[in-house]
């Protein structure tokens, strides 16, 4: 009987060590995520507005002059649909 008590004490000792390690890791993660303030960005690393330059000379290419514009769609001649689609048909 004495052997089983010794084995239980060893198991409890190892489980206690595992529990302490898990708690330490959890506290470290919580401290890093919530309690440590982020360092301010250095002035050189601040994002600047990108300079946008549009080259309109590309649109003056003679290839674009050959493009045909879309033809307008004529309106429908007859009435489409019902006045109230939720009224049952007779």
PDB file of N, CA and C in Angstrom:
ATOM      1  N   UNK A   1       0.801  -1.186   0.000  1.00  0.00           N
ATOM      2  CA  UNK A   1       0.000   0.000   0.000  1.00  0.00           C
ATOM      3  C   UNK A   1       0.853   1.263   0.000  1.00  0.00           C
ATOM      4  N   UNK A   2       1.995   1.229   0.604  1.00  0.00           N
ATOM      5  CA  UNK A   2       2.836   2.409   0.714  1.00  0.00           C
ATOM      6  C   UNK A   2       3.351   2.838  -0.650  1.00  0.00           C
ATOM      7  N   UNK A   3       3.466   1.921  -1.581  1.00  0.00           N
ATOM      8  CA  UNK A   3       3.985   2.224  -2.915  1.00  0.00           C
ATOM      9  C   UNK A   3       3.012   3.138  -3.663  1.00  0.00           C
ATOM     10  N   UNK A   4       1.743   2.898  -3.557  1.00  0.00           N
ATOM     11  CA  UNK A   4       0.766   3.708  -4.278  1.00  0.00           C
ATOM     12  C   UNK A   4       0.763   5.144  -3.768  1.00  0.00           C
ATOM     13  N   UNK A   5       0.975   5.335  -2.465  1.00  0.00           N
ATOM     14  CA  UNK A   5       1.003   6.689  -1.931  1.00  0.00           C
ATOM     15  C   UNK A   5       2.220   7.453  -2.463  1.00  0.00           C
ATOM     16  N   UNK A   6       3.332   6.794  -2.598  1.00  0.00           N
ATOM     17  CA  UNK A   6       4.542   7.429  -3.119  1.00  0.00           C
ATOM     18  C   UNK A   6       4.331   7.806  -4.587  1.00  0.00           C
ATOM     19  N   UNK A   7       3.700   6.929  -5.367  1.00  0.00           N
ATOM     20  CA  UNK A   7       3.451   7.224  -6.773  1.00  0.00           C
ATOM     21  C   UNK A   7       2.484   8.404  -6.914  1.00  0.00           C
ATOM     22  N   UNK A   8       1.483   8.496  -6.045  1.00  0.00           N
ATOM     23  CA  UNK A   8       0.547   9.609  -6.105  1.00  0.00           C
ATOM     24  C   UNK A   8       1.251  10.927  -5.768  1.00  0.00           C
ATOM     25  N   UNK A   9       2.174  10.886  -4.826  1.00  0.00           N
ATOM     26  CA  UNK A   9       2.908  12.094  -4.470  1.00  0.00           C
ATOM     27  C   UNK A   9       3.789  12.541  -5.630  1.00  0.00           C
ATOM     28  N   UNK A  10       4.423  11.587  -6.331  1.00  0.00           N
ATOM     29  CA  UNK A  10       5.244  11.940  -7.487  1.00  0.00           C
ATOM     30  C   UNK A  10       4.374  12.556  -8.583  1.00  0.00           C
ATOM     31  N   UNK A  11       3.212  11.951  -8.827  1.00  0.00           N
ATOM     32  CA  UNK A  11       2.309  12.448  -9.867  1.00  0.00           C
ATOM     33  C   UNK A  11       1.829  13.859  -9.502  1.00  0.00           C
ATOM     34  N   UNK A  12       1.474  14.079  -8.250  1.00  0.00           N
ATOM     35  CA  UNK A  12       1.029  15.395  -7.814  1.00  0.00           C
ATOM     36  C   UNK A  12       2.148  16.427  -7.931  1.00  0.00           C
ATOM     37  N   UNK A  13       3.365  15.994  -7.654  1.00  0.00           N
ATOM     38  CA  UNK A  13       4.510  16.897  -7.746  1.00  0.00           C
ATOM     39  C   UNK A  13       4.707  17.333  -9.199  1.00  0.00           C
ATOM     40  N   UNK A  14       4.621  16.385 -10.143  1.00  0.00           N
ATOM     41  CA  UNK A  14       4.788  16.717 -11.558  1.00  0.00           C
ATOM     42  C   UNK A  14       3.621  17.570 -12.067  1.00  0.00           C
ATOM     43  N   UNK A  15       2.420  17.244 -11.628  1.00  0.00           N
ATOM     44  CA  UNK A  15       1.271  18.039 -12.036  1.00  0.00           C
ATOM     45  C   UNK A  15       1.356  19.460 -11.480  1.00  0.00           C
ATOM     46  N   UNK A  16       1.874  19.612 -10.286  1.00  0.00           N
ATOM     47  CA  UNK A  16       2.050  20.932  -9.698  1.00  0.00           C
ATOM     48  C   UNK A  16       3.069  21.746 -10.499  1.00  0.00           C
ATOM     49  N   UNK A  17       4.155  21.105 -10.912  1.00  0.00           N
ATOM     50  CA  UNK A  17       5.172  21.788 -11.726  1.00  0.00           C
ATOM     51  C   UNK A  17       4.568  22.225 -13.061  1.00  0.00           C
ATOM     52  N   UNK A  18       3.795  21.349 -13.690  1.00  0.00           N
ATOM     53  CA  UNK A  18       3.148  21.682 -14.963  1.00  0.00           C
ATOM     54  C   UNK A  18       2.184  22.838 -14.770  1.00  0.00           C
ATOM     55  N   UNK A  19       1.426  22.820 -13.682  1.00  0.00           N
ATOM     56  CA  UNK A  19       0.470  23.890 -13.401  1.00  0.00           C
ATOM     57  C   UNK A  19       1.187  25.222 -13.203  1.00  0.00           C
ATOM     58  N   UNK A  20       2.278  25.222 -12.479  1.00  0.00           N
ATOM     59  CA  UNK A  20       3.039  26.453 -12.247  1.00  0.00           C
ATOM     60  C   UNK A  20       3.600  26.987 -13.568  1.00  0.00           C
ATOM     61  N   UNK A  21       4.097  26.112 -14.420  1.00  0.00           N
ATOM     62  CA  UNK A  21       4.633  26.538 -15.723  1.00  0.00           C
ATOM     63  C   UNK A  21       3.516  27.121 -16.584  1.00  0.00           C
ATOM     64  N   UNK A  22       2.355  26.489 -16.616  1.00  0.00           N
ATOM     65  CA  UNK A  22       1.237  27.004 -17.405  1.00  0.00           C
ATOM     66  C   UNK A  22       0.766  28.367 -16.908  1.00  0.00           C
ATOM     67  N   UNK A  23       0.718  28.533 -15.608  1.00  0.00           N
ATOM     68  CA  UNK A  23       0.311  29.828 -15.047  1.00  0.00           C
ATOM     69  C   UNK A  23       1.344  30.897 -15.392  1.00  0.00           C
ATOM     70  N   UNK A  24       2.620  30.551 -15.319  1.00  0.00           N
ATOM     71  CA  UNK A  24       3.676  31.511 -15.655  1.00  0.00           C
ATOM     72  C   UNK A  24       3.585  31.924 -17.123  1.00  0.00           C
ATOM     73  N   UNK A  25       3.361  30.973 -18.004  1.00  0.00           N
ATOM     74  CA  UNK A  25       3.236  31.280 -19.431  1.00  0.00           C
ATOM     75  C   UNK A  25       2.008  32.150 -19.677  1.00  0.00           C
ATOM     76  N   UNK A  26       0.905  31.846 -19.028  1.00  0.00           N
ATOM     77  CA  UNK A  26      -0.318  32.635 -19.192  1.00  0.00           C
ATOM     78  C   UNK A  26      -0.115  34.071 -18.717  1.00  0.00           C
ATOM     79  N   UNK A  27       0.529  34.236 -17.564  1.00  0.00           N
ATOM     80  CA  UNK A  27       0.794  35.579 -17.059  1.00  0.00           C
ATOM     81  C   UNK A  27       1.718  36.351 -17.990  1.00  0.00           C
ATOM     82  N   UNK A  28       2.703  35.688 -18.549  1.00  0.00           N
ATOM     83  CA  UNK A  28       3.624  36.339 -19.485  1.00  0.00           C
ATOM     84  C   UNK A  28       2.889  36.806 -20.740  1.00  0.00           C
ATOM     85  N   UNK A  29       2.003  35.983 -21.261  1.00  0.00           N
ATOM     86  CA  UNK A  29       1.243  36.349 -22.467  1.00  0.00           C
ATOM     87  C   UNK A  29       0.318  37.522 -22.170  1.00  0.00           C
ATOM     88  N   UNK A  30      -0.389  37.472 -21.047  1.00  0.00           N
ATOM     89  CA  UNK A  30      -1.291  38.566 -20.682  1.00  0.00           C
ATOM     90  C   UNK A  30      -0.501  39.849 -20.482  1.00  0.00           C
ATOM     91  N   UNK A  31       0.635  39.778 -19.862  1.00  0.00           N
ATOM     92  CA  UNK A  31       1.463  40.959 -19.623  1.00  0.00           C
ATOM     93  C   UNK A  31       1.942  41.559 -20.939  1.00  0.00           C
ATOM     94  N   UNK A  32       2.375  40.719 -21.874  1.00  0.00           N
ATOM     95  CA  UNK A  32       2.876  41.207 -23.158  1.00  0.00           C
ATOM     96  C   UNK A  32       1.748  41.806 -24.000  1.00  0.00           C
ATOM     97  N   UNK A  33       0.561  41.229 -23.971  1.00  0.00           N
ATOM     98  CA  UNK A  33      -0.518  41.692 -24.836  1.00  0.00           C
ATOM     99  C   UNK A  33      -1.244  42.913 -24.286  1.00  0.00           C
ATOM    100  N   UNK A  34      -1.449  42.980 -22.992  1.00  0.00           N
ATOM    101  CA  UNK A  34      -2.320  44.005 -22.443  1.00  0.00           C
ATOM    102  C   UNK A  34      -1.616  45.061 -21.603  1.00  0.00           C
ATOM    103  N   UNK A  35      -0.525  44.734 -20.976  1.00  0.00           N
ATOM    104  CA  UNK A  35       0.071  45.670 -20.035  1.00  0.00           C
ATOM    105  C   UNK A  35       1.271  46.427 -20.596  1.00  0.00           C
ATOM    106  N   UNK A  36       1.926  45.921 -21.601  1.00  0.00           N
ATOM    107  CA  UNK A  36       3.080  46.596 -22.176  1.00  0.00           C
ATOM    108  C   UNK A  36       2.595  47.562 -23.239  1.00  0.00           C
ATOM    109  N   UNK A  37       2.961  48.832 -23.103  1.00  0.00           N
ATOM    110  CA  UNK A  37       2.558  49.830 -24.086  1.00  0.00           C
ATOM    111  C   UNK A  37       3.494  49.748 -25.296  1.00  0.00           C
ATOM    112  N   UNK A  38       2.949  49.888 -26.507  1.00  0.00           N
ATOM    113  CA  UNK A  38       3.818  49.818 -27.680  1.00  0.00           C
ATOM    114  C   UNK A  38       4.735  51.033 -27.756  1.00  0.00           C
ATOM    115  N   UNK A  39       5.888  50.825 -28.312  1.00  0.00           N
ATOM    116  CA  UNK A  39       6.855  51.910 -28.452  1.00  0.00           C
ATOM    117  C   UNK A  39       6.385  52.842 -29.569  1.00  0.00           C
ATOM    118  N   UNK A  40       6.553  54.147 -29.391  1.00  0.00           N
ATOM    119  CA  UNK A  40       6.151  55.064 -30.462  1.00  0.00           C
ATOM    120  C   UNK A  40       7.061  54.908 -31.676  1.00  0.00           C
ATOM    121  N   UNK A  41       6.501  55.150 -32.835  1.00  0.00           N
ATOM    122  CA  UNK A  41       7.265  54.997 -34.068  1.00  0.00           C
ATOM    123  C   UNK A  41       8.274  56.123 -34.179  1.00  0.00           C
ATOM    124  N   UNK A  42       9.422  55.801 -34.711  1.00  0.00           N
ATOM    125  CA  UNK A  42      10.457  56.803 -34.931  1.00  0.00           C
ATOM    126  C   UNK A  42       9.978  57.753 -36.029  1.00  0.00           C
ATOM    127  N   UNK A  43      10.395  59.010 -36.016  1.00  0.00           N
ATOM    128  CA  UNK A  43       9.926  59.958 -37.030  1.00  0.00           C
ATOM    129  C   UNK A  43      10.234  59.529 -38.468  1.00  0.00           C
ATOM    130  N   UNK A  44      11.289  58.783 -38.689  1.00  0.00           N
ATOM    131  CA  UNK A  44      11.621  58.346 -40.036  1.00  0.00           C
ATOM    132  C   UNK A  44      10.656  57.281 -40.521  1.00  0.00           C
ATOM    133  N   UNK A  45      10.017  56.574 -39.619  1.00  0.00           N
ATOM    134  CA  UNK A  45       9.172  55.467 -40.000  1.00  0.00           C
ATOM    135  C   UNK A  45       7.709  55.871 -40.190  1.00  0.00           C
ATOM    136  N   UNK A  46       7.377  57.137 -39.971  1.00  0.00           N
ATOM    137  CA  UNK A  46       6.005  57.586 -40.137  1.00  0.00           C
ATOM    138  C   UNK A  46       5.681  57.563 -41.629  1.00  0.00           C
ATOM    139  N   UNK A  47       4.485  57.034 -41.960  1.00  0.00           N
ATOM    140  CA  UNK A  47       4.098  56.921 -43.359  1.00  0.00           C
ATOM    141  C   UNK A  47       3.825  58.291 -43.951  1.00  0.00           C
ATOM    142  N   UNK A  48       4.325  58.490 -45.152  1.00  0.00           N
ATOM    143  CA  UNK A  48       4.078  59.730 -45.871  1.00  0.00           C
ATOM    144  C   UNK A  48       3.059  59.469 -46.958  1.00  0.00           C
ATOM    145  N   UNK A  49       2.361  60.522 -47.377  1.00  0.00           N
ATOM    146  CA  UNK A  49       1.410  60.368 -48.469  1.00  0.00           C
ATOM    147  C   UNK A  49       2.184  60.078 -49.749  1.00  0.00           C
ATOM    148  N   UNK A  50       1.778  59.047 -50.468  1.00  0.00           N
ATOM    149  CA  UNK A  50       2.482  58.764 -51.718  1.00  0.00           C
ATOM    150  C   UNK A  50       2.149  59.825 -52.760  1.00  0.00           C
ATOM    151  N   UNK A  51       3.127  60.174 -53.529  1.00  0.00           N
ATOM    152  CA  UNK A  51       2.922  61.164 -54.586  1.00  0.00           C
ATOM    153  C   UNK A  51       2.361  60.449 -55.806  1.00  0.00           C
ATOM    154  N   UNK A  52       1.186  60.883 -56.236  1.00  0.00           N
ATOM    155  CA  UNK A  52       0.514  60.253 -57.367  1.00  0.00           C
ATOM    156  C   UNK A  52       0.726  61.136 -58.591  1.00  0.00           C
ATOM    157  N   UNK A  53       1.233  60.510 -59.630  1.00  0.00           N
ATOM    158  CA  UNK A  53       1.445  61.238 -60.876  1.00  0.00           C
ATOM    159  C   UNK A  53       0.737  60.461 -61.979  1.00  0.00           C
ATOM    160  N   UNK A  54      -0.219  61.121 -62.636  1.00  0.00           N
ATOM    161  CA  UNK A  54      -0.982  60.476 -63.695  1.00  0.00           C
ATOM    162  C   UNK A  54      -0.456  60.980 -65.034  1.00  0.00           C
ATOM    163  N   UNK A  55      -0.154  60.057 -65.902  1.00  0.00           N
ATOM    164  CA  UNK A  55       0.363  60.398 -67.227  1.00  0.00           C
ATOM    165  C   UNK A  55      -0.799  60.350 -68.221  1.00  0.00           C
ATOM    166  N   UNK A  56      -1.346  61.521 -68.573  1.00  0.00           N
ATOM    167  CA  UNK A  56      -2.462  61.598 -69.505  1.00  0.00           C
ATOM    168  C   UNK A  56      -2.008  61.487 -70.956  1.00  0.00           C
ATOM    169  N   UNK A  57      -0.719  61.532 -71.205  1.00  0.00           N
ATOM    170  CA  UNK A  57      -0.223  61.412 -72.576  1.00  0.00           C
ATOM    171  C   UNK A  57      -0.516  60.029 -73.150  1.00  0.00           C
ATOM    172  N   UNK A  58      -0.710  59.046 -72.305  1.00  0.00           N
ATOM    173  CA  UNK A  58      -1.024  57.698 -72.780  1.00  0.00           C
ATOM    174  C   UNK A  58      -2.372  57.682 -73.489  1.00  0.00           C
ATOM    175  N   UNK A  59      -3.302  58.516 -73.059  1.00  0.00           N
ATOM    176  CA  UNK A  59      -4.630  58.545 -73.670  1.00  0.00           C
ATOM    177  C   UNK A  59      -4.623  59.210 -75.045  1.00  0.00           C
ATOM    178  N   UNK A  60      -3.558  59.911 -75.392  1.00  0.00           N
ATOM    179  CA  UNK A  60      -3.460  60.560 -76.694  1.00  0.00           C
ATOM    180  C   UNK A  60      -2.960  59.608 -77.773  1.00  0.00           C
ATOM    181  N   UNK A  61      -2.744  58.358 -77.409  1.00  0.00           N
ATOM    182  CA  UNK A  61      -2.278  57.352 -78.357  1.00  0.00           C
ATOM    183  C   UNK A  61      -3.329  57.160 -79.451  1.00  0.00           C
ATOM    184  N   UNK A  62      -2.924  57.057 -80.753  1.00  0.00           N
ATOM    185  CA  UNK A  62      -3.909  56.917 -81.832  1.00  0.00           C
ATOM    186  C   UNK A  62      -4.711  55.614 -81.754  1.00  0.00           C
ATOM    187  N   UNK A  63      -4.250  54.626 -81.022  1.00  0.00           N
ATOM    188  CA  UNK A  63      -4.991  53.378 -80.878  1.00  0.00           C
ATOM    189  C   UNK A  63      -6.325  53.640 -80.174  1.00  0.00           C
ATOM    190  N   UNK A  64      -6.334  54.559 -79.215  1.00  0.00           N
ATOM    191  CA  UNK A  64      -7.561  54.860 -78.475  1.00  0.00           C
ATOM    192  C   UNK A  64      -8.575  55.607 -79.331  1.00  0.00           C
ATOM    193  N   UNK A  65      -8.142  56.282 -80.393  1.00  0.00           N
ATOM    194  CA  UNK A  65      -9.076  57.004 -81.269  1.00  0.00           C
ATOM    195  C   UNK A  65      -9.938  56.035 -82.070  1.00  0.00           C
ATOM    196  N   UNK A  66      -9.499  54.816 -82.279  1.00  0.00           N
ATOM    197  CA  UNK A  66     -10.244  53.837 -83.055  1.00  0.00           C
ATOM    198  C   UNK A  66     -11.307  53.109 -82.243  1.00  0.00           C
ATOM    199  N   UNK A  67     -11.380  53.352 -80.978  1.00  0.00           N
ATOM    200  CA  UNK A  67     -12.377  52.676 -80.152  1.00  0.00           C
ATOM    201  C   UNK A  67     -13.764  53.209 -80.465  1.00  0.00           C
ATOM    202  N   UNK A  68     -14.728  52.322 -80.566  1.00  0.00           N
ATOM    203  CA  UNK A  68     -16.103  52.690 -80.872  1.00  0.00           C
ATOM    204  C   UNK A  68     -16.853  52.828 -79.552  1.00  0.00           C
ATOM    205  N   UNK A  69     -17.584  53.943 -79.366  1.00  0.00           N
ATOM    206  CA  UNK A  69     -18.348  54.065 -78.108  1.00  0.00           C
ATOM    207  C   UNK A  69     -19.541  53.109 -78.116  1.00  0.00           C
ATOM    208  N   UNK A  70     -20.036  52.840 -76.968  1.00  0.00           N
ATOM    209  CA  UNK A  70     -21.188  51.944 -76.842  1.00  0.00           C
ATOM    210  C   UNK A  70     -22.419  52.585 -77.468  1.00  0.00           C
ATOM    211  N   UNK A  71     -23.254  51.760 -78.082  1.00  0.00           N
ATOM    212  CA  UNK A  71     -24.507  52.256 -78.631  1.00  0.00           C
ATOM    213  C   UNK A  71     -25.520  52.350 -77.498  1.00  0.00           C
ATOM    214  N   UNK A  72     -26.320  53.412 -77.471  1.00  0.00           N
ATOM    215  CA  UNK A  72     -27.318  53.520 -76.393  1.00  0.00           C
ATOM    216  C   UNK A  72     -28.407  52.473 -76.559  1.00  0.00           C
ATOM    217  N   UNK A  73     -28.900  51.974 -75.471  1.00  0.00           N
ATOM    218  CA  UNK A  73     -29.964  50.970 -75.482  1.00  0.00           C
ATOM    219  C   UNK A  73     -31.295  51.705 -75.548  1.00  0.00           C
ATOM    220  N   UNK A  74     -32.121  51.414 -76.548  1.00  0.00           N
ATOM    221  CA  UNK A  74     -33.404  52.116 -76.633  1.00  0.00           C
ATOM    222  C   UNK A  74     -34.342  51.647 -75.523  1.00  0.00           C
ATOM    223  N   UNK A  75     -35.243  52.532 -75.072  1.00  0.00           N
ATOM    224  CA  UNK A  75     -36.181  52.119 -74.017  1.00  0.00           C
ATOM    225  C   UNK A  75     -37.176  51.106 -74.549  1.00  0.00           C
ATOM    226  N   UNK A  76     -37.729  50.318 -73.641  1.00  0.00           N
ATOM    227  CA  UNK A  76     -38.698  49.296 -74.028  1.00  0.00           C
ATOM    228  C   UNK A  76     -39.982  49.960 -74.497  1.00  0.00           C
ATOM    229  N   UNK A  77     -40.593  49.407 -75.545  1.00  0.00           N
ATOM    230  CA  UNK A  77     -41.804  49.989 -76.110  1.00  0.00           C
ATOM    231  C   UNK A  77     -43.056  49.615 -75.346  1.00  0.00           C
ATOM    232  N   UNK A  78     -43.127  48.433 -74.858  1.00  0.00           N
ATOM    233  CA  UNK A  78     -44.339  48.005 -74.182  1.00  0.00           C
ATOM    234  C   UNK A  78     -44.128  47.975 -72.672  1.00  0.00           C
ATOM    235  N   UNK A  79     -45.239  47.926 -71.957  1.00  0.00           N
ATOM    236  CA  UNK A  79     -45.184  47.920 -70.497  1.00  0.00           C
ATOM    237  C   UNK A  79     -44.666  46.564 -70.009  1.00  0.00           C
ATOM    238  N   UNK A  80     -43.764  46.606 -69.041  1.00  0.00           N
ATOM    239  CA  UNK A  80     -43.157  45.378 -68.520  1.00  0.00           C
ATOM    240  C   UNK A  80     -43.613  45.177 -67.080  1.00  0.00           C
ATOM    241  N   UNK A  81     -43.988  43.956 -66.756  1.00  0.00           N
ATOM    242  CA  UNK A  81     -44.342  43.615 -65.387  1.00  0.00           C
ATOM    243  C   UNK A  81     -45.735  44.066 -65.006  1.00  0.00           C
ATOM    244  N   UNK A  82     -46.080  43.848 -63.739  1.00  0.00           N
ATOM    245  CA  UNK A  82     -47.388  44.220 -63.211  1.00  0.00           C
ATOM    246  C   UNK A  82     -47.229  45.414 -62.286  1.00  0.00           C
ATOM    247  N   UNK A  83     -48.340  46.112 -62.030  1.00  0.00           N
ATOM    248  CA  UNK A  83     -48.284  47.265 -61.133  1.00  0.00           C
ATOM    249  C   UNK A  83     -47.900  46.836 -59.721  1.00  0.00           C
ATOM    250  N   UNK A  84     -48.564  45.782 -59.224  1.00  0.00           N
ATOM    251  CA  UNK A  84     -48.278  45.273 -57.898  1.00  0.00           C
ATOM    252  C   UNK A  84     -47.995  43.771 -58.024  1.00  0.00           C
ATOM    253  N   UNK A  85     -46.743  43.352 -57.949  1.00  0.00           N
ATOM    254  CA  UNK A  85     -46.433  41.948 -58.155  1.00  0.00           C
ATOM    255  C   UNK A  85     -46.904  41.055 -57.010  1.00  0.00           C
ATOM    256  N   UNK A  86     -47.330  41.625 -55.890  1.00  0.00           N
ATOM    257  CA  UNK A  86     -47.727  40.820 -54.746  1.00  0.00           C
ATOM    258  C   UNK A  86     -49.216  40.481 -54.742  1.00  0.00           C
ATOM    259  N   UNK A  87     -49.972  41.084 -55.647  1.00  0.00           N
ATOM    260  CA  UNK A  87     -51.402  40.777 -55.754  1.00  0.00           C
ATOM    261  C   UNK A  87     -51.530  39.497 -56.568  1.00  0.00           C
ATOM    262  N   UNK A  88     -52.356  38.527 -56.128  1.00  0.00           N
ATOM    263  CA  UNK A  88     -52.492  37.269 -56.898  1.00  0.00           C
ATOM    264  C   UNK A  88     -53.080  37.536 -58.284  1.00  0.00           C
ATOM    265  N   UNK A  89     -52.615  36.750 -59.255  1.00  0.00           N
ATOM    266  CA  UNK A  89     -53.112  36.894 -60.617  1.00  0.00           C
ATOM    267  C   UNK A  89     -54.535  36.366 -60.697  1.00  0.00           C
ATOM    268  N   UNK A  90     -55.329  36.970 -61.556  1.00  0.00           N
ATOM    269  CA  UNK A  90     -56.721  36.526 -61.729  1.00  0.00           C
ATOM    270  C   UNK A  90     -56.857  35.682 -62.957  1.00  0.00           C
TER     271      UNK A  90
END
